N, C-alpha and C. Protein backbone atom coordinates (compact mmCIF):
# COMPACT_ATOMS: atom_id res chain seq x y z
N MET A 1 -19.10 5.64 -23.68
CA MET A 1 -18.29 4.32 -23.52
C MET A 1 -19.03 3.55 -22.38
N LYS A 2 -19.04 2.16 -22.58
CA LYS A 2 -19.64 1.32 -21.66
C LYS A 2 -19.15 1.54 -20.17
N LYS A 3 -20.14 1.17 -19.22
CA LYS A 3 -19.66 1.36 -17.94
C LYS A 3 -18.58 0.31 -17.31
N HIS A 4 -18.90 -0.96 -17.84
CA HIS A 4 -17.86 -1.91 -17.45
C HIS A 4 -16.96 -2.39 -18.62
N SER A 5 -16.07 -1.39 -19.05
CA SER A 5 -15.18 -1.59 -20.01
C SER A 5 -13.81 -1.20 -19.53
N PHE A 6 -12.77 -1.63 -20.33
CA PHE A 6 -11.43 -1.46 -19.95
C PHE A 6 -10.67 -0.91 -21.25
N GLY A 7 -10.79 0.25 -21.61
CA GLY A 7 -10.23 0.51 -22.80
C GLY A 7 -8.93 1.19 -22.66
N LYS A 8 -8.45 2.01 -23.82
CA LYS A 8 -7.16 2.58 -23.80
C LYS A 8 -7.09 3.65 -22.82
N ARG A 9 -8.24 4.36 -22.69
CA ARG A 9 -8.24 5.44 -21.80
C ARG A 9 -8.00 5.23 -20.35
N ASP A 10 -8.27 3.84 -19.98
CA ASP A 10 -8.22 3.36 -18.72
C ASP A 10 -6.89 2.73 -18.35
N ARG A 11 -5.94 2.77 -19.17
CA ARG A 11 -4.64 2.00 -19.06
C ARG A 11 -3.50 3.06 -18.89
N ILE A 12 -2.60 2.75 -18.08
CA ILE A 12 -1.28 3.49 -17.93
C ILE A 12 -0.37 2.79 -18.82
N ARG A 13 0.14 3.39 -19.89
CA ARG A 13 1.01 2.74 -20.87
C ARG A 13 2.42 3.34 -21.07
N LYS A 14 2.42 4.41 -20.78
CA LYS A 14 3.90 5.12 -21.04
C LYS A 14 4.70 4.96 -19.80
N ARG A 15 6.10 4.74 -20.07
CA ARG A 15 7.00 4.71 -19.06
C ARG A 15 7.15 5.79 -18.21
N LYS A 16 7.00 7.00 -18.80
CA LYS A 16 6.95 8.27 -18.02
C LYS A 16 5.86 8.42 -16.95
N ASP A 17 4.84 7.82 -17.29
CA ASP A 17 3.75 7.85 -16.45
C ASP A 17 4.03 6.96 -15.34
N PHE A 18 4.52 5.78 -15.45
CA PHE A 18 4.78 4.83 -14.51
C PHE A 18 5.87 5.33 -13.49
N LEU A 19 6.81 6.06 -14.16
CA LEU A 19 7.97 6.70 -13.32
C LEU A 19 7.36 7.91 -12.28
N ARG A 20 6.58 8.68 -12.83
CA ARG A 20 5.90 9.71 -12.24
C ARG A 20 5.17 9.22 -11.02
N ILE A 21 4.42 8.24 -11.23
CA ILE A 21 3.55 7.61 -10.17
C ILE A 21 4.45 6.84 -9.15
N TYR A 22 5.40 6.10 -9.54
CA TYR A 22 6.27 5.65 -8.66
C TYR A 22 7.02 6.68 -7.68
N GLN A 23 7.35 7.77 -8.20
CA GLN A 23 8.02 8.80 -7.34
C GLN A 23 7.07 9.59 -6.51
N LYS A 24 5.83 9.88 -6.95
CA LYS A 24 5.05 10.74 -6.30
C LYS A 24 3.58 10.25 -5.61
N GLY A 25 3.50 8.90 -5.85
CA GLY A 25 2.31 8.16 -5.48
C GLY A 25 2.56 7.75 -3.90
N ILE A 26 1.34 7.50 -3.38
CA ILE A 26 1.27 6.91 -2.03
C ILE A 26 1.10 5.42 -2.15
N ARG A 27 2.04 4.75 -1.34
CA ARG A 27 2.13 3.29 -1.42
C ARG A 27 1.40 2.60 -0.30
N THR A 28 0.77 1.47 -0.65
CA THR A 28 0.14 0.65 0.40
C THR A 28 0.50 -0.85 0.03
N SER A 29 0.63 -1.70 0.81
CA SER A 29 1.18 -3.10 0.64
C SER A 29 0.15 -3.95 1.28
N SER A 30 0.11 -5.20 0.81
CA SER A 30 -0.59 -6.33 1.44
C SER A 30 0.29 -7.57 1.18
N LYS A 31 -0.23 -8.70 1.59
CA LYS A 31 0.48 -9.84 1.40
C LYS A 31 1.04 -10.10 -0.05
N ASN A 32 0.31 -9.84 -1.12
CA ASN A 32 0.66 -10.26 -2.51
C ASN A 32 0.81 -9.06 -3.39
N PHE A 33 0.36 -7.92 -3.04
CA PHE A 33 0.45 -6.70 -3.87
C PHE A 33 0.84 -5.60 -3.20
N ILE A 34 1.41 -4.67 -3.90
CA ILE A 34 1.80 -3.26 -3.46
C ILE A 34 1.00 -2.23 -4.47
N THR A 35 0.25 -1.37 -3.81
CA THR A 35 -0.58 -0.47 -4.67
C THR A 35 0.05 0.97 -4.50
N ILE A 36 0.04 1.68 -5.56
CA ILE A 36 0.63 2.99 -5.55
C ILE A 36 -0.43 3.86 -6.24
N LEU A 37 -0.99 4.96 -5.52
CA LEU A 37 -2.08 5.83 -5.93
C LEU A 37 -1.51 7.07 -6.20
N SER A 38 -1.89 7.78 -7.18
CA SER A 38 -1.38 9.05 -7.56
C SER A 38 -2.53 9.87 -8.23
N SER A 39 -2.71 11.21 -8.04
CA SER A 39 -3.77 11.99 -8.77
C SER A 39 -3.27 12.20 -10.13
N ASN A 40 -4.06 12.41 -11.12
CA ASN A 40 -3.72 12.71 -12.49
C ASN A 40 -4.51 13.90 -12.99
N GLN A 41 -4.28 14.39 -14.26
CA GLN A 41 -4.88 15.52 -14.85
C GLN A 41 -5.87 15.10 -15.74
N THR A 42 -6.05 13.82 -16.04
CA THR A 42 -6.85 13.40 -17.14
C THR A 42 -8.17 13.34 -16.82
N GLY A 43 -8.66 13.34 -15.59
CA GLY A 43 -9.95 13.19 -15.01
C GLY A 43 -10.48 11.75 -15.02
N THR A 44 -9.83 10.73 -15.43
CA THR A 44 -10.25 9.51 -15.39
C THR A 44 -9.51 8.62 -14.35
N ARG A 45 -9.95 7.41 -14.15
CA ARG A 45 -9.36 6.50 -13.28
C ARG A 45 -8.51 5.46 -14.31
N ARG A 46 -7.03 5.38 -13.84
CA ARG A 46 -6.35 4.68 -14.86
C ARG A 46 -5.44 3.49 -14.08
N LEU A 47 -5.31 2.35 -14.60
CA LEU A 47 -4.49 1.28 -14.03
C LEU A 47 -3.46 0.99 -14.73
N GLY A 48 -2.34 0.63 -13.92
CA GLY A 48 -1.09 0.14 -14.56
C GLY A 48 -0.73 -1.09 -13.77
N ILE A 49 -0.25 -2.12 -14.30
CA ILE A 49 0.16 -3.46 -13.73
C ILE A 49 1.53 -3.65 -13.78
N THR A 50 2.36 -4.09 -12.97
CA THR A 50 3.74 -4.44 -12.97
C THR A 50 3.74 -5.86 -12.41
N VAL A 51 4.32 -6.80 -13.31
CA VAL A 51 4.51 -8.17 -12.88
C VAL A 51 5.82 -8.66 -13.35
N THR A 52 6.65 -8.93 -12.58
CA THR A 52 8.06 -9.36 -12.91
C THR A 52 8.17 -10.79 -13.19
N LYS A 53 9.37 -11.29 -13.77
CA LYS A 53 9.46 -12.63 -14.11
C LYS A 53 9.65 -13.57 -12.73
N SER A 54 9.96 -12.73 -11.64
CA SER A 54 10.04 -13.57 -10.53
C SER A 54 8.87 -14.13 -9.91
N VAL A 55 7.59 -13.63 -10.51
CA VAL A 55 6.44 -14.04 -10.07
C VAL A 55 6.12 -15.51 -10.53
N GLY A 56 6.64 -15.79 -11.80
CA GLY A 56 6.37 -17.10 -12.38
C GLY A 56 6.60 -17.15 -13.76
N ASN A 57 6.18 -18.08 -14.57
CA ASN A 57 6.38 -18.30 -15.88
C ASN A 57 5.10 -17.39 -16.64
N SER A 58 5.10 -17.41 -17.83
CA SER A 58 4.28 -16.46 -18.49
C SER A 58 2.75 -16.77 -18.32
N VAL A 59 2.52 -17.87 -18.17
CA VAL A 59 1.00 -18.23 -17.91
C VAL A 59 0.59 -17.88 -16.61
N LYS A 60 1.43 -17.80 -15.59
CA LYS A 60 1.01 -17.38 -14.29
C LYS A 60 1.15 -15.77 -14.28
N ARG A 61 1.97 -15.29 -14.86
CA ARG A 61 2.02 -13.76 -15.01
C ARG A 61 0.80 -13.23 -15.61
N ASN A 62 0.49 -13.76 -16.81
CA ASN A 62 -0.74 -13.09 -17.63
C ASN A 62 -2.05 -13.48 -16.68
N ARG A 63 -2.19 -14.75 -16.10
CA ARG A 63 -3.32 -15.15 -15.31
C ARG A 63 -3.53 -13.94 -14.18
N VAL A 64 -2.45 -13.55 -13.50
CA VAL A 64 -2.58 -12.46 -12.46
C VAL A 64 -3.04 -11.22 -13.12
N LYS A 65 -2.46 -10.88 -14.18
CA LYS A 65 -2.80 -9.62 -14.92
C LYS A 65 -4.24 -9.65 -15.28
N ARG A 66 -4.77 -10.67 -15.80
CA ARG A 66 -6.22 -10.82 -16.11
C ARG A 66 -7.09 -10.64 -14.84
N LEU A 67 -6.68 -11.19 -13.79
CA LEU A 67 -7.44 -11.08 -12.62
C LEU A 67 -7.51 -9.66 -12.07
N LEU A 68 -6.32 -8.92 -12.20
CA LEU A 68 -6.35 -7.59 -11.74
C LEU A 68 -7.05 -6.58 -12.61
N ARG A 69 -7.02 -6.83 -13.92
CA ARG A 69 -7.65 -6.13 -14.88
C ARG A 69 -9.31 -6.29 -14.73
N GLU A 70 -9.60 -7.56 -14.37
CA GLU A 70 -11.10 -7.84 -14.15
C GLU A 70 -11.56 -7.09 -12.81
N PHE A 71 -10.83 -7.11 -11.88
CA PHE A 71 -11.09 -6.43 -10.56
C PHE A 71 -11.35 -4.84 -10.81
N PHE A 72 -10.27 -4.29 -11.51
CA PHE A 72 -10.46 -2.88 -11.86
C PHE A 72 -11.57 -2.73 -12.80
N ARG A 73 -12.01 -3.49 -13.75
CA ARG A 73 -12.92 -3.27 -14.61
C ARG A 73 -14.45 -3.24 -14.01
N LEU A 74 -14.63 -4.14 -12.98
CA LEU A 74 -15.93 -4.30 -12.26
C LEU A 74 -16.13 -3.26 -11.25
N ASN A 75 -15.02 -2.70 -10.83
CA ASN A 75 -15.03 -1.89 -9.42
C ASN A 75 -14.56 -0.34 -9.79
N LYS A 76 -14.23 0.03 -10.98
CA LYS A 76 -13.67 1.29 -11.35
C LYS A 76 -14.78 2.31 -10.96
N ASP A 77 -15.92 2.16 -11.09
CA ASP A 77 -16.89 3.15 -10.78
C ASP A 77 -16.82 3.53 -9.24
N LYS A 78 -16.37 2.65 -8.47
CA LYS A 78 -16.37 2.89 -6.95
C LYS A 78 -14.99 3.51 -6.56
N LEU A 79 -14.11 3.57 -7.35
CA LEU A 79 -12.61 4.12 -7.18
C LEU A 79 -12.83 5.68 -7.28
N PRO A 80 -12.05 6.55 -6.63
CA PRO A 80 -11.98 7.81 -6.79
C PRO A 80 -11.54 8.36 -8.11
N ASP A 81 -12.21 9.38 -8.43
CA ASP A 81 -11.98 10.05 -9.96
C ASP A 81 -10.45 10.56 -9.92
N SER A 82 -10.12 10.66 -11.03
CA SER A 82 -8.57 11.35 -11.44
C SER A 82 -7.56 10.58 -10.64
N GLN A 83 -7.61 9.22 -10.51
CA GLN A 83 -6.41 8.68 -9.91
C GLN A 83 -5.81 7.67 -10.89
N ASP A 84 -4.61 7.66 -10.72
CA ASP A 84 -3.72 6.55 -11.44
C ASP A 84 -3.31 5.59 -10.39
N MET A 85 -3.55 4.22 -10.68
CA MET A 85 -3.17 3.18 -9.78
C MET A 85 -2.20 2.26 -10.41
N VAL A 86 -1.11 1.94 -9.75
CA VAL A 86 -0.39 0.94 -10.14
C VAL A 86 -0.19 -0.26 -9.25
N ILE A 87 -0.44 -1.47 -9.57
CA ILE A 87 -0.43 -2.46 -8.83
C ILE A 87 0.76 -3.44 -9.25
N ILE A 88 1.65 -3.66 -8.20
CA ILE A 88 2.89 -4.34 -8.40
C ILE A 88 2.65 -5.59 -7.66
N VAL A 89 2.85 -6.64 -8.40
CA VAL A 89 2.59 -8.16 -7.77
C VAL A 89 4.06 -8.47 -7.29
N LYS A 90 4.02 -8.90 -6.09
CA LYS A 90 5.06 -9.45 -5.33
C LYS A 90 5.51 -10.60 -5.78
N LYS A 91 6.74 -11.15 -5.75
CA LYS A 91 7.34 -12.33 -6.13
C LYS A 91 6.79 -13.49 -5.38
N ASP A 92 6.92 -14.64 -5.96
CA ASP A 92 6.47 -15.92 -5.35
C ASP A 92 5.12 -16.04 -4.89
N ILE A 93 4.09 -15.53 -5.67
CA ILE A 93 2.73 -15.36 -4.97
C ILE A 93 2.07 -16.74 -5.18
N PRO A 94 1.31 -17.24 -4.45
CA PRO A 94 0.65 -18.65 -4.60
C PRO A 94 -0.41 -18.47 -5.69
N PHE A 95 -1.05 -19.46 -6.14
CA PHE A 95 -2.09 -19.59 -6.96
C PHE A 95 -3.26 -18.91 -6.34
N LEU A 96 -3.80 -17.75 -7.01
CA LEU A 96 -4.99 -17.09 -6.45
C LEU A 96 -6.22 -17.13 -7.34
N LYS A 97 -7.32 -17.16 -6.64
CA LYS A 97 -8.60 -17.06 -7.31
C LYS A 97 -9.08 -15.74 -7.43
N TYR A 98 -10.20 -15.60 -8.15
CA TYR A 98 -10.45 -14.07 -8.30
C TYR A 98 -11.02 -13.64 -6.94
N GLN A 99 -11.60 -14.57 -6.23
CA GLN A 99 -12.22 -14.16 -4.97
C GLN A 99 -11.19 -13.49 -3.87
N ASP A 100 -9.90 -14.37 -3.97
CA ASP A 100 -8.85 -13.85 -3.35
C ASP A 100 -8.23 -12.51 -3.66
N VAL A 101 -8.20 -12.39 -4.88
CA VAL A 101 -7.64 -11.02 -5.35
C VAL A 101 -8.69 -9.87 -5.00
N CYS A 102 -9.90 -10.11 -5.09
CA CYS A 102 -10.84 -9.18 -4.72
C CYS A 102 -10.81 -8.71 -3.22
N ALA A 103 -10.75 -9.77 -2.38
CA ALA A 103 -10.79 -9.47 -1.00
C ALA A 103 -9.33 -8.77 -0.63
N GLU A 104 -8.30 -9.13 -1.06
CA GLU A 104 -7.12 -8.41 -0.75
C GLU A 104 -7.12 -7.00 -1.42
N LEU A 105 -7.47 -6.72 -2.52
CA LEU A 105 -7.51 -5.49 -3.14
C LEU A 105 -8.58 -4.63 -2.47
N LYS A 106 -9.59 -4.99 -2.08
CA LYS A 106 -10.70 -4.25 -1.46
C LYS A 106 -10.14 -3.80 -0.07
N ASP A 107 -9.40 -4.64 0.48
CA ASP A 107 -8.80 -4.25 1.80
C ASP A 107 -7.72 -3.02 1.70
N LEU A 108 -7.08 -3.17 0.42
CA LEU A 108 -6.17 -2.00 0.32
C LEU A 108 -6.82 -0.74 -0.14
N PHE A 109 -7.85 -0.85 -0.92
CA PHE A 109 -8.51 0.33 -1.33
C PHE A 109 -9.59 0.87 -0.42
N LEU A 110 -9.94 0.19 0.61
CA LEU A 110 -10.81 0.55 1.62
C LEU A 110 -10.50 1.96 2.35
N GLU A 111 -9.21 2.10 2.44
CA GLU A 111 -8.70 3.27 3.12
C GLU A 111 -8.97 4.61 2.24
N ARG A 112 -9.04 4.33 0.97
CA ARG A 112 -9.19 5.58 0.18
C ARG A 112 -10.42 5.60 -0.66
N ALA A 113 -11.34 4.57 -0.70
CA ALA A 113 -12.47 4.61 -1.42
C ALA A 113 -13.43 3.57 -0.70
N ASP A 114 -14.81 3.68 -0.95
CA ASP A 114 -15.75 2.84 -0.38
C ASP A 114 -16.17 1.77 -1.44
N ILE A 115 -15.36 0.79 -1.51
CA ILE A 115 -15.81 -0.49 -2.40
C ILE A 115 -16.67 -1.45 -1.86
């Protein structure tokens, strides 16, 4: 598989996986995001994204999800192995550029990984 890809194996898609991570994961928050990290048995890094309607209309929600997926895709080799990550977007976030998202998420993940 390509180094900088974001395939099905890299995604958290099932509700039971999300619920397990919510219950057993370690939470960290910043101005616009809450991250939950939990170990997994798959041996891969996986990402789940939660964006509610309180964030904005579908255009804004989808843009935020694209930015988060791009951050994960480009930095997943720097994140710890066998980790599930869920990023929850807080409501009423301002318009974010990719650099803003990178800076904020790097601050969150610096505690656990050397990005």
